[in-house]
Amino acid sequence: MKRWAFLGTMTAILAWAFLARVEGGPALCASRWIFGIACPGCGMMRSVTAFAHGRLEDSLRYHLFGPLVFAAVLTLWIAAAVGVVRQREYRAPDSPAFNSVMGVTLVLLLGYWAARMAAGKTP
């Protein structure tokens, strides 16, 4: 059951990216709604959507990490589809190397957010 749920989640994210409009949609950031401050991921979904529509320059303008997130979701979708076909359960990655990569990614994301906030360039 987990593999189907995971595949469904990845499919929904990719479908949103390909079907949503890049401009004109509502802001989805709870931080912006509640505190009036952009969060580290502000602009990420618009960036992913722009990338899915082949608009790399717009994607990078919305959020630098958008194309990487798109690639990660696509990779996870493929892995989930293979898991469904082979009838293998989804297992979350848990290794020191994976955890280190996630830690570095978090530090880079927070650094990028701080630089955007300082420059006043949040979406």
PDB file of N, CA and C in Angstrom:
ATOM      1  N   MET A   1       0.817  -1.203   0.000  1.00  0.00           N
ATOM      2  CA  MET A   1       0.000   0.000   0.000  1.00  0.00           C
ATOM      3  C   MET A   1       0.860   1.266   0.000  1.00  0.00           C
ATOM      4  N   LYS A   2       1.971   1.241   0.757  1.00  0.00           N
ATOM      5  CA  LYS A   2       2.828   2.423   0.827  1.00  0.00           C
ATOM      6  C   LYS A   2       3.370   2.790  -0.546  1.00  0.00           C
ATOM      7  N   ARG A   3       3.737   1.789  -1.334  1.00  0.00           N
ATOM      8  CA  ARG A   3       4.310   2.085  -2.649  1.00  0.00           C
ATOM      9  C   ARG A   3       3.295   2.782  -3.539  1.00  0.00           C
ATOM     10  N   TRP A   4       2.017   2.405  -3.443  1.00  0.00           N
ATOM     11  CA  TRP A   4       0.985   3.062  -4.248  1.00  0.00           C
ATOM     12  C   TRP A   4       0.762   4.501  -3.765  1.00  0.00           C
ATOM     13  N   ALA A   5       0.772   4.701  -2.466  1.00  0.00           N
ATOM     14  CA  ALA A   5       0.595   6.047  -1.913  1.00  0.00           C
ATOM     15  C   ALA A   5       1.757   6.954  -2.339  1.00  0.00           C
ATOM     16  N   PHE A   6       2.961   6.414  -2.269  1.00  0.00           N
ATOM     17  CA  PHE A   6       4.134   7.197  -2.658  1.00  0.00           C
ATOM     18  C   PHE A   6       4.086   7.527  -4.153  1.00  0.00           C
ATOM     19  N   LEU A   7       3.748   6.532  -4.972  1.00  0.00           N
ATOM     20  CA  LEU A   7       3.635   6.769  -6.415  1.00  0.00           C
ATOM     21  C   LEU A   7       2.543   7.798  -6.695  1.00  0.00           C
ATOM     22  N   GLY A   8       1.434   7.714  -5.992  1.00  0.00           N
ATOM     23  CA  GLY A   8       0.352   8.687  -6.171  1.00  0.00           C
ATOM     24  C   GLY A   8       0.774  10.097  -5.806  1.00  0.00           C
ATOM     25  N   THR A   9       1.530  10.220  -4.731  1.00  0.00           N
ATOM     26  CA  THR A   9       2.019  11.541  -4.308  1.00  0.00           C
ATOM     27  C   THR A   9       2.963  12.141  -5.347  1.00  0.00           C
ATOM     28  N   MET A  10       3.913  11.347  -5.817  1.00  0.00           N
ATOM     29  CA  MET A  10       4.859  11.835  -6.828  1.00  0.00           C
ATOM     30  C   MET A  10       4.129  12.165  -8.137  1.00  0.00           C
ATOM     31  N   THR A  11       3.127  11.369  -8.495  1.00  0.00           N
ATOM     32  CA  THR A  11       2.342  11.632  -9.704  1.00  0.00           C
ATOM     33  C   THR A  11       1.579  12.943  -9.570  1.00  0.00           C
ATOM     34  N   ALA A  12       1.000  13.186  -8.398  1.00  0.00           N
ATOM     35  CA  ALA A  12       0.251  14.426  -8.173  1.00  0.00           C
ATOM     36  C   ALA A  12       1.164  15.649  -8.277  1.00  0.00           C
ATOM     37  N   ILE A  13       2.354  15.558  -7.721  1.00  0.00           N
ATOM     38  CA  ILE A  13       3.294  16.684  -7.789  1.00  0.00           C
ATOM     39  C   ILE A  13       3.689  16.957  -9.236  1.00  0.00           C
ATOM     40  N   LEU A  14       4.009  15.904  -9.983  1.00  0.00           N
ATOM     41  CA  LEU A  14       4.387  16.093 -11.392  1.00  0.00           C
ATOM     42  C   LEU A  14       3.209  16.610 -12.215  1.00  0.00           C
ATOM     43  N   ALA A  15       2.012  16.081 -11.956  1.00  0.00           N
ATOM     44  CA  ALA A  15       0.832  16.552 -12.693  1.00  0.00           C
ATOM     45  C   ALA A  15       0.600  18.031 -12.424  1.00  0.00           C
ATOM     46  N   TRP A  16       0.727  18.441 -11.166  1.00  0.00           N
ATOM     47  CA  TRP A  16       0.567  19.860 -10.817  1.00  0.00           C
ATOM     48  C   TRP A  16       1.580  20.698 -11.597  1.00  0.00           C
ATOM     49  N   ALA A  17       2.827  20.243 -11.617  1.00  0.00           N
ATOM     50  CA  ALA A  17       3.892  20.997 -12.287  1.00  0.00           C
ATOM     51  C   ALA A  17       3.589  21.187 -13.771  1.00  0.00           C
ATOM     52  N   PHE A  18       3.072  20.151 -14.421  1.00  0.00           N
ATOM     53  CA  PHE A  18       2.817  20.240 -15.854  1.00  0.00           C
ATOM     54  C   PHE A  18       1.494  20.941 -16.184  1.00  0.00           C
ATOM     55  N   LEU A  19       0.511  20.868 -15.286  1.00  0.00           N
ATOM     56  CA  LEU A  19      -0.814  21.408 -15.596  1.00  0.00           C
ATOM     57  C   LEU A  19      -1.080  22.804 -15.041  1.00  0.00           C
ATOM     58  N   ALA A  20      -0.365  23.194 -13.996  1.00  0.00           N
ATOM     59  CA  ALA A  20      -0.605  24.492 -13.362  1.00  0.00           C
ATOM     60  C   ALA A  20      -0.061  25.631 -14.226  1.00  0.00           C
ATOM     61  N   ARG A  21      -0.659  26.798 -14.035  1.00  0.00           N
ATOM     62  CA  ARG A  21      -0.127  27.996 -14.682  1.00  0.00           C
ATOM     63  C   ARG A  21       1.042  28.502 -13.847  1.00  0.00           C
ATOM     64  N   VAL A  22       2.030  29.050 -14.516  1.00  0.00           N
ATOM     65  CA  VAL A  22       3.200  29.559 -13.804  1.00  0.00           C
ATOM     66  C   VAL A  22       2.851  30.866 -13.097  1.00  0.00           C
ATOM     67  N   GLU A  23       2.236  31.773 -13.801  1.00  0.00           N
ATOM     68  CA  GLU A  23       1.873  33.067 -13.215  1.00  0.00           C
ATOM     69  C   GLU A  23       0.390  33.089 -12.855  1.00  0.00           C
ATOM     70  N   GLY A  24       0.060  33.969 -11.931  1.00  0.00           N
ATOM     71  CA  GLY A  24      -1.333  34.244 -11.646  1.00  0.00           C
ATOM     72  C   GLY A  24      -1.982  33.351 -10.613  1.00  0.00           C
ATOM     73  N   GLY A  25      -1.293  32.334 -10.144  1.00  0.00           N
ATOM     74  CA  GLY A  25      -1.873  31.460  -9.138  1.00  0.00           C
ATOM     75  C   GLY A  25      -1.763  32.082  -7.756  1.00  0.00           C
ATOM     76  N   PRO A  26      -2.477  31.492  -6.801  1.00  0.00           N
ATOM     77  CA  PRO A  26      -2.401  32.039  -5.435  1.00  0.00           C
ATOM     78  C   PRO A  26      -1.062  31.701  -4.792  1.00  0.00           C
ATOM     79  N   ALA A  27      -0.628  32.553  -3.877  1.00  0.00           N
ATOM     80  CA  ALA A  27       0.592  32.275  -3.115  1.00  0.00           C
ATOM     81  C   ALA A  27       0.291  31.132  -2.155  1.00  0.00           C
ATOM     82  N   LEU A  28       1.138  30.136  -2.124  1.00  0.00           N
ATOM     83  CA  LEU A  28       0.901  28.955  -1.300  1.00  0.00           C
ATOM     84  C   LEU A  28       1.715  28.958  -0.014  1.00  0.00           C
ATOM     85  N   CYS A  29       2.404  30.038   0.272  1.00  0.00           N
ATOM     86  CA  CYS A  29       3.322  30.087   1.407  1.00  0.00           C
ATOM     87  C   CYS A  29       2.598  30.511   2.691  1.00  0.00           C
ATOM     88  N   ALA A  30       2.509  29.580   3.655  1.00  0.00           N
ATOM     89  CA  ALA A  30       1.869  29.885   4.933  1.00  0.00           C
ATOM     90  C   ALA A  30       2.661  30.942   5.706  1.00  0.00           C
ATOM     91  N   SER A  31       3.974  30.937   5.581  1.00  0.00           N
ATOM     92  CA  SER A  31       4.809  31.931   6.257  1.00  0.00           C
ATOM     93  C   SER A  31       4.464  33.338   5.765  1.00  0.00           C
ATOM     94  N   ARG A  32       4.270  33.461   4.475  1.00  0.00           N
ATOM     95  CA  ARG A  32       3.917  34.764   3.901  1.00  0.00           C
ATOM     96  C   ARG A  32       2.523  35.189   4.373  1.00  0.00           C
ATOM     97  N   TRP A  33       1.583  34.229   4.422  1.00  0.00           N
ATOM     98  CA  TRP A  33       0.223  34.547   4.877  1.00  0.00           C
ATOM     99  C   TRP A  33       0.205  34.980   6.334  1.00  0.00           C
ATOM    100  N   ILE A  34       0.903  34.228   7.189  1.00  0.00           N
ATOM    101  CA  ILE A  34       0.822  34.451   8.630  1.00  0.00           C
ATOM    102  C   ILE A  34       1.758  35.557   9.110  1.00  0.00           C
ATOM    103  N   PHE A  35       3.021  35.505   8.677  1.00  0.00           N
ATOM    104  CA  PHE A  35       4.032  36.424   9.194  1.00  0.00           C
ATOM    105  C   PHE A  35       4.404  37.546   8.233  1.00  0.00           C
ATOM    106  N   GLY A  36       4.012  37.414   6.974  1.00  0.00           N
ATOM    107  CA  GLY A  36       4.378  38.412   5.976  1.00  0.00           C
ATOM    108  C   GLY A  36       5.836  38.309   5.543  1.00  0.00           C
ATOM    109  N   ILE A  37       6.459  37.177   5.796  1.00  0.00           N
ATOM    110  CA  ILE A  37       7.866  36.959   5.461  1.00  0.00           C
ATOM    111  C   ILE A  37       7.964  35.718   4.570  1.00  0.00           C
ATOM    112  N   ALA A  38       8.753  35.820   3.521  1.00  0.00           N
ATOM    113  CA  ALA A  38       8.957  34.674   2.635  1.00  0.00           C
ATOM    114  C   ALA A  38       9.712  33.572   3.376  1.00  0.00           C
ATOM    115  N   CYS A  39       9.325  32.327   3.123  1.00  0.00           N
ATOM    116  CA  CYS A  39      10.025  31.196   3.730  1.00  0.00           C
ATOM    117  C   CYS A  39      11.178  30.766   2.818  1.00  0.00           C
ATOM    118  N   PRO A  40      12.049  29.859   3.280  1.00  0.00           N
ATOM    119  CA  PRO A  40      13.159  29.412   2.430  1.00  0.00           C
ATOM    120  C   PRO A  40      12.713  28.774   1.115  1.00  0.00           C
ATOM    121  N   GLY A  41      11.497  28.231   1.085  1.00  0.00           N
ATOM    122  CA  GLY A  41      11.007  27.582  -0.133  1.00  0.00           C
ATOM    123  C   GLY A  41      10.107  28.455  -0.983  1.00  0.00           C
ATOM    124  N   CYS A  42       9.951  29.727  -0.611  1.00  0.00           N
ATOM    125  CA  CYS A  42       9.066  30.608  -1.373  1.00  0.00           C
ATOM    126  C   CYS A  42       9.476  30.652  -2.848  1.00  0.00           C
ATOM    127  N   GLY A  43       8.499  30.409  -3.707  1.00  0.00           N
ATOM    128  CA  GLY A  43       8.740  30.412  -5.134  1.00  0.00           C
ATOM    129  C   GLY A  43       9.110  29.047  -5.688  1.00  0.00           C
ATOM    130  N   MET A  44       9.251  28.041  -4.810  1.00  0.00           N
ATOM    131  CA  MET A  44       9.710  26.716  -5.245  1.00  0.00           C
ATOM    132  C   MET A  44       8.725  26.062  -6.209  1.00  0.00           C
ATOM    133  N   MET A  45       7.423  26.064  -5.878  1.00  0.00           N
ATOM    134  CA  MET A  45       6.464  25.393  -6.759  1.00  0.00           C
ATOM    135  C   MET A  45       6.361  26.122  -8.095  1.00  0.00           C
ATOM    136  N   ARG A  46       6.412  27.443  -8.067  1.00  0.00           N
ATOM    137  CA  ARG A  46       6.401  28.183  -9.339  1.00  0.00           C
ATOM    138  C   ARG A  46       7.663  27.882 -10.145  1.00  0.00           C
ATOM    139  N   SER A  47       8.774  27.725  -9.460  1.00  0.00           N
ATOM    140  CA  SER A  47      10.022  27.379 -10.135  1.00  0.00           C
ATOM    141  C   SER A  47       9.930  25.997 -10.773  1.00  0.00           C
ATOM    142  N   VAL A  48       9.398  25.036 -10.027  1.00  0.00           N
ATOM    143  CA  VAL A  48       9.232  23.675 -10.548  1.00  0.00           C
ATOM    144  C   VAL A  48       8.280  23.689 -11.743  1.00  0.00           C
ATOM    145  N   THR A  49       7.185  24.448 -11.624  1.00  0.00           N
ATOM    146  CA  THR A  49       6.204  24.541 -12.706  1.00  0.00           C
ATOM    147  C   THR A  49       6.817  25.185 -13.942  1.00  0.00           C
ATOM    148  N   ALA A  50       7.555  26.274 -13.756  1.00  0.00           N
ATOM    149  CA  ALA A  50       8.209  26.927 -14.897  1.00  0.00           C
ATOM    150  C   ALA A  50       9.191  25.971 -15.560  1.00  0.00           C
ATOM    151  N   PHE A  51       9.917  25.207 -14.768  1.00  0.00           N
ATOM    152  CA  PHE A  51      10.869  24.246 -15.327  1.00  0.00           C
ATOM    153  C   PHE A  51      10.139  23.166 -16.130  1.00  0.00           C
ATOM    154  N   ALA A  52       9.020  22.680 -15.593  1.00  0.00           N
ATOM    155  CA  ALA A  52       8.235  21.655 -16.292  1.00  0.00           C
ATOM    156  C   ALA A  52       7.705  22.185 -17.624  1.00  0.00           C
ATOM    157  N   HIS A  53       7.494  23.494 -17.706  1.00  0.00           N
ATOM    158  CA  HIS A  53       7.012  24.123 -18.934  1.00  0.00           C
ATOM    159  C   HIS A  53       8.153  24.547 -19.849  1.00  0.00           C
ATOM    160  N   GLY A  54       9.382  24.175 -19.490  1.00  0.00           N
ATOM    161  CA  GLY A  54      10.535  24.472 -20.340  1.00  0.00           C
ATOM    162  C   GLY A  54      11.045  25.897 -20.231  1.00  0.00           C
ATOM    163  N   ARG A  55      10.722  26.574 -19.145  1.00  0.00           N
ATOM    164  CA  ARG A  55      11.121  27.976 -18.964  1.00  0.00           C
ATOM    165  C   ARG A  55      12.211  28.055 -17.882  1.00  0.00           C
ATOM    166  N   LEU A  56      13.424  27.669 -18.262  1.00  0.00           N
ATOM    167  CA  LEU A  56      14.529  27.585 -17.306  1.00  0.00           C
ATOM    168  C   LEU A  56      14.847  28.938 -16.670  1.00  0.00           C
ATOM    169  N   GLU A  57      14.901  29.983 -17.461  1.00  0.00           N
ATOM    170  CA  GLU A  57      15.235  31.304 -16.907  1.00  0.00           C
ATOM    171  C   GLU A  57      14.216  31.737 -15.852  1.00  0.00           C
ATOM    172  N   ASP A  58      12.932  31.555 -16.150  1.00  0.00           N
ATOM    173  CA  ASP A  58      11.895  31.883 -15.164  1.00  0.00           C
ATOM    174  C   ASP A  58      12.014  30.989 -13.937  1.00  0.00           C
ATOM    175  N   SER A  59      12.286  29.713 -14.174  1.00  0.00           N
ATOM    176  CA  SER A  59      12.423  28.769 -13.071  1.00  0.00           C
ATOM    177  C   SER A  59      13.510  29.222 -12.103  1.00  0.00           C
ATOM    178  N   LEU A  60      14.657  29.588 -12.631  1.00  0.00           N
ATOM    179  CA  LEU A  60      15.766  30.029 -11.781  1.00  0.00           C
ATOM    180  C   LEU A  60      15.475  31.362 -11.101  1.00  0.00           C
ATOM    181  N   ARG A  61      14.681  32.195 -11.735  1.00  0.00           N
ATOM    182  CA  ARG A  61      14.304  33.477 -11.129  1.00  0.00           C
ATOM    183  C   ARG A  61      13.375  33.267  -9.930  1.00  0.00           C
ATOM    184  N   TYR A  62      12.452  32.311 -10.047  1.00  0.00           N
ATOM    185  CA  TYR A  62      11.538  32.029  -8.932  1.00  0.00           C
ATOM    186  C   TYR A  62      12.264  31.394  -7.751  1.00  0.00           C
ATOM    187  N   HIS A  63      13.103  30.397  -8.034  1.00  0.00           N
ATOM    188  CA  HIS A  63      13.874  29.752  -6.964  1.00  0.00           C
ATOM    189  C   HIS A  63      14.986  28.931  -7.608  1.00  0.00           C
ATOM    190  N   LEU A  64      16.187  29.128  -7.139  1.00  0.00           N
ATOM    191  CA  LEU A  64      17.364  28.464  -7.698  1.00  0.00           C
ATOM    192  C   LEU A  64      17.281  26.937  -7.594  1.00  0.00           C
ATOM    193  N   PHE A  65      16.618  26.441  -6.567  1.00  0.00           N
ATOM    194  CA  PHE A  65      16.567  24.998  -6.334  1.00  0.00           C
ATOM    195  C   PHE A  65      15.450  24.303  -7.100  1.00  0.00           C
ATOM    196  N   GLY A  66      14.579  25.045  -7.797  1.00  0.00           N
ATOM    197  CA  GLY A  66      13.437  24.452  -8.497  1.00  0.00           C
ATOM    198  C   GLY A  66      13.794  23.337  -9.468  1.00  0.00           C
ATOM    199  N   PRO A  67      14.749  23.549 -10.383  1.00  0.00           N
ATOM    200  CA  PRO A  67      15.107  22.458 -11.294  1.00  0.00           C
ATOM    201  C   PRO A  67      15.643  21.223 -10.565  1.00  0.00           C
ATOM    202  N   LEU A  68      16.359  21.423  -9.456  1.00  0.00           N
ATOM    203  CA  LEU A  68      16.852  20.279  -8.679  1.00  0.00           C
ATOM    204  C   LEU A  68      15.701  19.523  -8.023  1.00  0.00           C
ATOM    205  N   VAL A  69      14.720  20.266  -7.521  1.00  0.00           N
ATOM    206  CA  VAL A  69      13.560  19.624  -6.914  1.00  0.00           C
ATOM    207  C   VAL A  69      12.767  18.856  -7.974  1.00  0.00           C
ATOM    208  N   PHE A  70      12.614  19.448  -9.165  1.00  0.00           N
ATOM    209  CA  PHE A  70      11.931  18.752 -10.250  1.00  0.00           C
ATOM    210  C   PHE A  70      12.645  17.445 -10.576  1.00  0.00           C
ATOM    211  N   ALA A  71      13.969  17.501 -10.687  1.00  0.00           N
ATOM    212  CA  ALA A  71      14.756  16.298 -10.991  1.00  0.00           C
ATOM    213  C   ALA A  71      14.610  15.255  -9.880  1.00  0.00           C
ATOM    214  N   ALA A  72      14.594  15.695  -8.643  1.00  0.00           N
ATOM    215  CA  ALA A  72      14.445  14.765  -7.520  1.00  0.00           C
ATOM    216  C   ALA A  72      13.073  14.105  -7.537  1.00  0.00           C
ATOM    217  N   VAL A  73      12.021  14.894  -7.779  1.00  0.00           N
ATOM    218  CA  VAL A  73      10.668  14.330  -7.814  1.00  0.00           C
ATOM    219  C   VAL A  73      10.528  13.359  -8.987  1.00  0.00           C
ATOM    220  N   LEU A  74      11.070  13.716 -10.131  1.00  0.00           N
ATOM    221  CA  LEU A  74      11.011  12.816 -11.282  1.00  0.00           C
ATOM    222  C   LEU A  74      11.757  11.508 -10.990  1.00  0.00           C
ATOM    223  N   THR A  75      12.919  11.610 -10.366  1.00  0.00           N
ATOM    224  CA  THR A  75      13.680  10.415  -9.993  1.00  0.00           C
ATOM    225  C   THR A  75      12.903   9.554  -8.999  1.00  0.00           C
ATOM    226  N   LEU A  76      12.288  10.195  -8.018  1.00  0.00           N
ATOM    227  CA  LEU A  76      11.492   9.453  -7.042  1.00  0.00           C
ATOM    228  C   LEU A  76      10.263   8.819  -7.685  1.00  0.00           C
ATOM    229  N   TRP A  77       9.663   9.508  -8.661  1.00  0.00           N
ATOM    230  CA  TRP A  77       8.514   8.949  -9.383  1.00  0.00           C
ATOM    231  C   TRP A  77       8.928   7.673 -10.125  1.00  0.00           C
ATOM    232  N   ILE A  78      10.075   7.737 -10.794  1.00  0.00           N
ATOM    233  CA  ILE A  78      10.578   6.553 -11.515  1.00  0.00           C
ATOM    234  C   ILE A  78      10.846   5.411 -10.528  1.00  0.00           C
ATOM    235  N   ALA A  79      11.491   5.726  -9.415  1.00  0.00           N
ATOM    236  CA  ALA A  79      11.775   4.701  -8.408  1.00  0.00           C
ATOM    237  C   ALA A  79      10.483   4.105  -7.857  1.00  0.00           C
ATOM    238  N   ALA A  80       9.476   4.941  -7.626  1.00  0.00           N
ATOM    239  CA  ALA A  80       8.193   4.449  -7.117  1.00  0.00           C
ATOM    240  C   ALA A  80       7.501   3.567  -8.146  1.00  0.00           C
ATOM    241  N   ALA A  81       7.543   3.962  -9.419  1.00  0.00           N
ATOM    242  CA  ALA A  81       6.922   3.157 -10.475  1.00  0.00           C
ATOM    243  C   ALA A  81       7.610   1.797 -10.591  1.00  0.00           C
ATOM    244  N   VAL A  82       8.925   1.800 -10.520  1.00  0.00           N
ATOM    245  CA  VAL A  82       9.670   0.536 -10.561  1.00  0.00           C
ATOM    246  C   VAL A  82       9.300  -0.318  -9.347  1.00  0.00           C
ATOM    247  N   GLY A  83       9.160   0.304  -8.185  1.00  0.00           N
ATOM    248  CA  GLY A  83       8.764  -0.425  -6.977  1.00  0.00           C
ATOM    249  C   GLY A  83       7.387  -1.049  -7.106  1.00  0.00           C
ATOM    250  N   VAL A  84       6.461  -0.334  -7.733  1.00  0.00           N
ATOM    251  CA  VAL A  84       5.116  -0.879  -7.942  1.00  0.00           C
ATOM    252  C   VAL A  84       5.171  -2.066  -8.893  1.00  0.00           C
ATOM    253  N   VAL A  85       5.904  -1.913  -9.988  1.00  0.00           N
ATOM    254  CA  VAL A  85       6.007  -2.997 -10.969  1.00  0.00           C
ATOM    255  C   VAL A  85       6.661  -4.234 -10.347  1.00  0.00           C
ATOM    256  N   ARG A  86       7.689  -4.029  -9.567  1.00  0.00           N
ATOM    257  CA  ARG A  86       8.415  -5.151  -8.944  1.00  0.00           C
ATOM    258  C   ARG A  86       7.789  -5.579  -7.617  1.00  0.00           C
ATOM    259  N   GLN A  87       6.745  -4.887  -7.209  1.00  0.00           N
ATOM    260  CA  GLN A  87       6.023  -5.172  -5.966  1.00  0.00           C
ATOM    261  C   GLN A  87       6.936  -5.114  -4.747  1.00  0.00           C
ATOM    262  N   ARG A  88       7.711  -4.052  -4.693  1.00  0.00           N
ATOM    263  CA  ARG A  88       8.587  -3.826  -3.543  1.00  0.00           C
ATOM    264  C   ARG A  88       8.037  -2.675  -2.725  1.00  0.00           C
ATOM    265  N   GLU A  89       8.160  -2.787  -1.430  1.00  0.00           N
ATOM    266  CA  GLU A  89       7.710  -1.720  -0.548  1.00  0.00           C
ATOM    267  C   GLU A  89       8.653  -0.525  -0.637  1.00  0.00           C
ATOM    268  N   TYR A  90       8.092   0.655  -0.467  1.00  0.00           N
ATOM    269  CA  TYR A  90       8.908   1.866  -0.431  1.00  0.00           C
ATOM    270  C   TYR A  90       9.629   1.914   0.906  1.00  0.00           C
ATOM    271  N   ARG A  91      10.912   2.214   0.860  1.00  0.00           N
ATOM    272  CA  ARG A  91      11.697   2.425   2.068  1.00  0.00           C
ATOM    273  C   ARG A  91      12.381   3.772   1.950  1.00  0.00           C
ATOM    274  N   ALA A  92      12.197   4.585   2.958  1.00  0.00           N
ATOM    275  CA  ALA A  92      12.863   5.886   2.966  1.00  0.00           C
ATOM    276  C   ALA A  92      14.364   5.672   3.101  1.00  0.00           C
ATOM    277  N   PRO A  93      15.153   6.444   2.346  1.00  0.00           N
ATOM    278  CA  PRO A  93      16.600   6.294   2.460  1.00  0.00           C
ATOM    279  C   PRO A  93      17.077   6.666   3.863  1.00  0.00           C
ATOM    280  N   ASP A  94      17.961   5.853   4.392  1.00  0.00           N
ATOM    281  CA  ASP A  94      18.493   6.120   5.721  1.00  0.00           C
ATOM    282  C   ASP A  94      19.934   5.622   5.766  1.00  0.00           C
ATOM    283  N   SER A  95      20.825   6.519   5.410  1.00  0.00           N
ATOM    284  CA  SER A  95      22.248   6.188   5.461  1.00  0.00           C
ATOM    285  C   SER A  95      23.004   7.446   5.848  1.00  0.00           C
ATOM    286  N   PRO A  96      24.206   7.296   6.383  1.00  0.00           N
ATOM    287  CA  PRO A  96      24.988   8.480   6.738  1.00  0.00           C
ATOM    288  C   PRO A  96      25.245   9.393   5.540  1.00  0.00           C
ATOM    289  N   ALA A  97      25.489   8.819   4.372  1.00  0.00           N
ATOM    290  CA  ALA A  97      25.743   9.648   3.181  1.00  0.00           C
ATOM    291  C   ALA A  97      24.500  10.443   2.800  1.00  0.00           C
ATOM    292  N   PHE A  98      23.340   9.789   2.794  1.00  0.00           N
ATOM    293  CA  PHE A  98      22.092  10.479   2.454  1.00  0.00           C
ATOM    294  C   PHE A  98      21.816  11.590   3.461  1.00  0.00           C
ATOM    295  N   ASN A  99      21.980  11.282   4.744  1.00  0.00           N
ATOM    296  CA  ASN A  99      21.741  12.283   5.784  1.00  0.00           C
ATOM    297  C   ASN A  99      22.707  13.461   5.656  1.00  0.00           C
ATOM    298  N   SER A 100      23.940  13.205   5.265  1.00  0.00           N
ATOM    299  CA  SER A 100      24.905  14.294   5.054  1.00  0.00           C
ATOM    300  C   SER A 100      24.492  15.176   3.885  1.00  0.00           C
ATOM    301  N   VAL A 101      24.066  14.545   2.797  1.00  0.00           N
ATOM    302  CA  VAL A 101      23.606  15.316   1.634  1.00  0.00           C
ATOM    303  C   VAL A 101      22.405  16.182   2.021  1.00  0.00           C
ATOM    304  N   MET A 102      21.478  15.640   2.781  1.00  0.00           N
ATOM    305  CA  MET A 102      20.308  16.415   3.208  1.00  0.00           C
ATOM    306  C   MET A 102      20.726  17.570   4.121  1.00  0.00           C
ATOM    307  N   GLY A 103      21.699  17.338   4.988  1.00  0.00           N
ATOM    308  CA  GLY A 103      22.193  18.411   5.857  1.00  0.00           C
ATOM    309  C   GLY A 103      22.831  19.535   5.060  1.00  0.00           C
ATOM    310  N   VAL A 104      23.670  19.190   4.104  1.00  0.00           N
ATOM    311  CA  VAL A 104      24.308  20.201   3.252  1.00  0.00           C
ATOM    312  C   VAL A 104      23.245  20.945   2.440  1.00  0.00           C
ATOM    313  N   THR A 105      22.266  20.217   1.927  1.00  0.00           N
ATOM    314  CA  THR A 105      21.192  20.848   1.152  1.00  0.00           C
ATOM    315  C   THR A 105      20.429  21.850   2.013  1.00  0.00           C
ATOM    316  N   LEU A 106      20.151  21.486   3.255  1.00  0.00           N
ATOM    317  CA  LEU A 106      19.452  22.393   4.161  1.00  0.00           C
ATOM    318  C   LEU A 106      20.267  23.657   4.416  1.00  0.00           C
ATOM    319  N   VAL A 107      21.551  23.497   4.646  1.00  0.00           N
ATOM    320  CA  VAL A 107      22.420  24.661   4.880  1.00  0.00           C
ATOM    321  C   VAL A 107      22.436  25.567   3.634  1.00  0.00           C
ATOM    322  N   LEU A 108      22.550  24.968   2.448  1.00  0.00           N
ATOM    323  CA  LEU A 108      22.543  25.753   1.203  1.00  0.00           C
ATOM    324  C   LEU A 108      21.211  26.461   1.006  1.00  0.00           C
ATOM    325  N   LEU A 109      20.110  25.768   1.300  1.00  0.00           N
ATOM    326  CA  LEU A 109      18.782  26.374   1.161  1.00  0.00           C
ATOM    327  C   LEU A 109      18.628  27.561   2.098  1.00  0.00           C
ATOM    328  N   LEU A 110      19.054  27.404   3.336  1.00  0.00           N
ATOM    329  CA  LEU A 110      18.952  28.514   4.297  1.00  0.00           C
ATOM    330  C   LEU A 110      19.873  29.669   3.911  1.00  0.00           C
ATOM    331  N   GLY A 111      21.070  29.355   3.401  1.00  0.00           N
ATOM    332  CA  GLY A 111      21.977  30.410   2.932  1.00  0.00           C
ATOM    333  C   GLY A 111      21.400  31.161   1.744  1.00  0.00           C
ATOM    334  N   TYR A 112      20.801  30.440   0.815  1.00  0.00           N
ATOM    335  CA  TYR A 112      20.164  31.058  -0.353  1.00  0.00           C
ATOM    336  C   TYR A 112      19.006  31.944   0.086  1.00  0.00           C
ATOM    337  N   TRP A 113      18.218  31.456   1.047  1.00  0.00           N
ATOM    338  CA  TRP A 113      17.095  32.231   1.572  1.00  0.00           C
ATOM    339  C   TRP A 113      17.591  33.518   2.231  1.00  0.00           C
ATOM    340  N   ALA A 114      18.628  33.415   3.043  1.00  0.00           N
ATOM    341  CA  ALA A 114      19.170  34.599   3.722  1.00  0.00           C
ATOM    342  C   ALA A 114      19.691  35.614   2.701  1.00  0.00           C
ATOM    343  N   ALA A 115      20.355  35.133   1.666  1.00  0.00           N
ATOM    344  CA  ALA A 115      20.868  36.046   0.630  1.00  0.00           C
ATOM    345  C   ALA A 115      19.718  36.720  -0.116  1.00  0.00           C
ATOM    346  N   ARG A 116      18.680  35.973  -0.416  1.00  0.00           N
ATOM    347  CA  ARG A 116      17.510  36.563  -1.085  1.00  0.00           C
ATOM    348  C   ARG A 116      16.821  37.588  -0.201  1.00  0.00           C
ATOM    349  N   MET A 117      16.691  37.285   1.084  1.00  0.00           N
ATOM    350  CA  MET A 117      16.054  38.214   2.018  1.00  0.00           C
ATOM    351  C   MET A 117      16.879  39.504   2.121  1.00  0.00           C
ATOM    352  N   ALA A 118      18.205  39.353   2.223  1.00  0.00           N
ATOM    353  CA  ALA A 118      19.082  40.510   2.351  1.00  0.00           C
ATOM    354  C   ALA A 118      19.022  41.392   1.100  1.00  0.00           C
ATOM    355  N   ALA A 119      18.888  40.749  -0.057  1.00  0.00           N
ATOM    356  CA  ALA A 119      18.847  41.495  -1.315  1.00  0.00           C
ATOM    357  C   ALA A 119      17.429  41.963  -1.662  1.00  0.00           C
ATOM    358  N   GLY A 120      16.432  41.524  -0.894  1.00  0.00           N
ATOM    359  CA  GLY A 120      15.058  41.889  -1.180  1.00  0.00           C
ATOM    360  C   GLY A 120      14.528  41.271  -2.452  1.00  0.00           C
ATOM    361  N   LYS A 121      14.980  40.069  -2.761  1.00  0.00           N
ATOM    362  CA  LYS A 121      14.612  39.429  -4.030  1.00  0.00           C
ATOM    363  C   LYS A 121      13.781  38.165  -3.829  1.00  0.00           C
ATOM    364  N   THR A 122      12.906  38.165  -2.860  1.00  0.00           N
ATOM    365  CA  THR A 122      12.015  37.003  -2.698  1.00  0.00           C
ATOM    366  C   THR A 122      10.797  37.196  -3.605  1.00  0.00           C
ATOM    367  N   PRO A 123      10.232  36.099  -4.083  1.00  0.00           N
ATOM    368  CA  PRO A 123       9.064  36.238  -4.979  1.00  0.00           C
ATOM    369  C   PRO A 123       7.827  36.746  -4.264  1.00  0.00           C
TER     370      PRO A 123
END
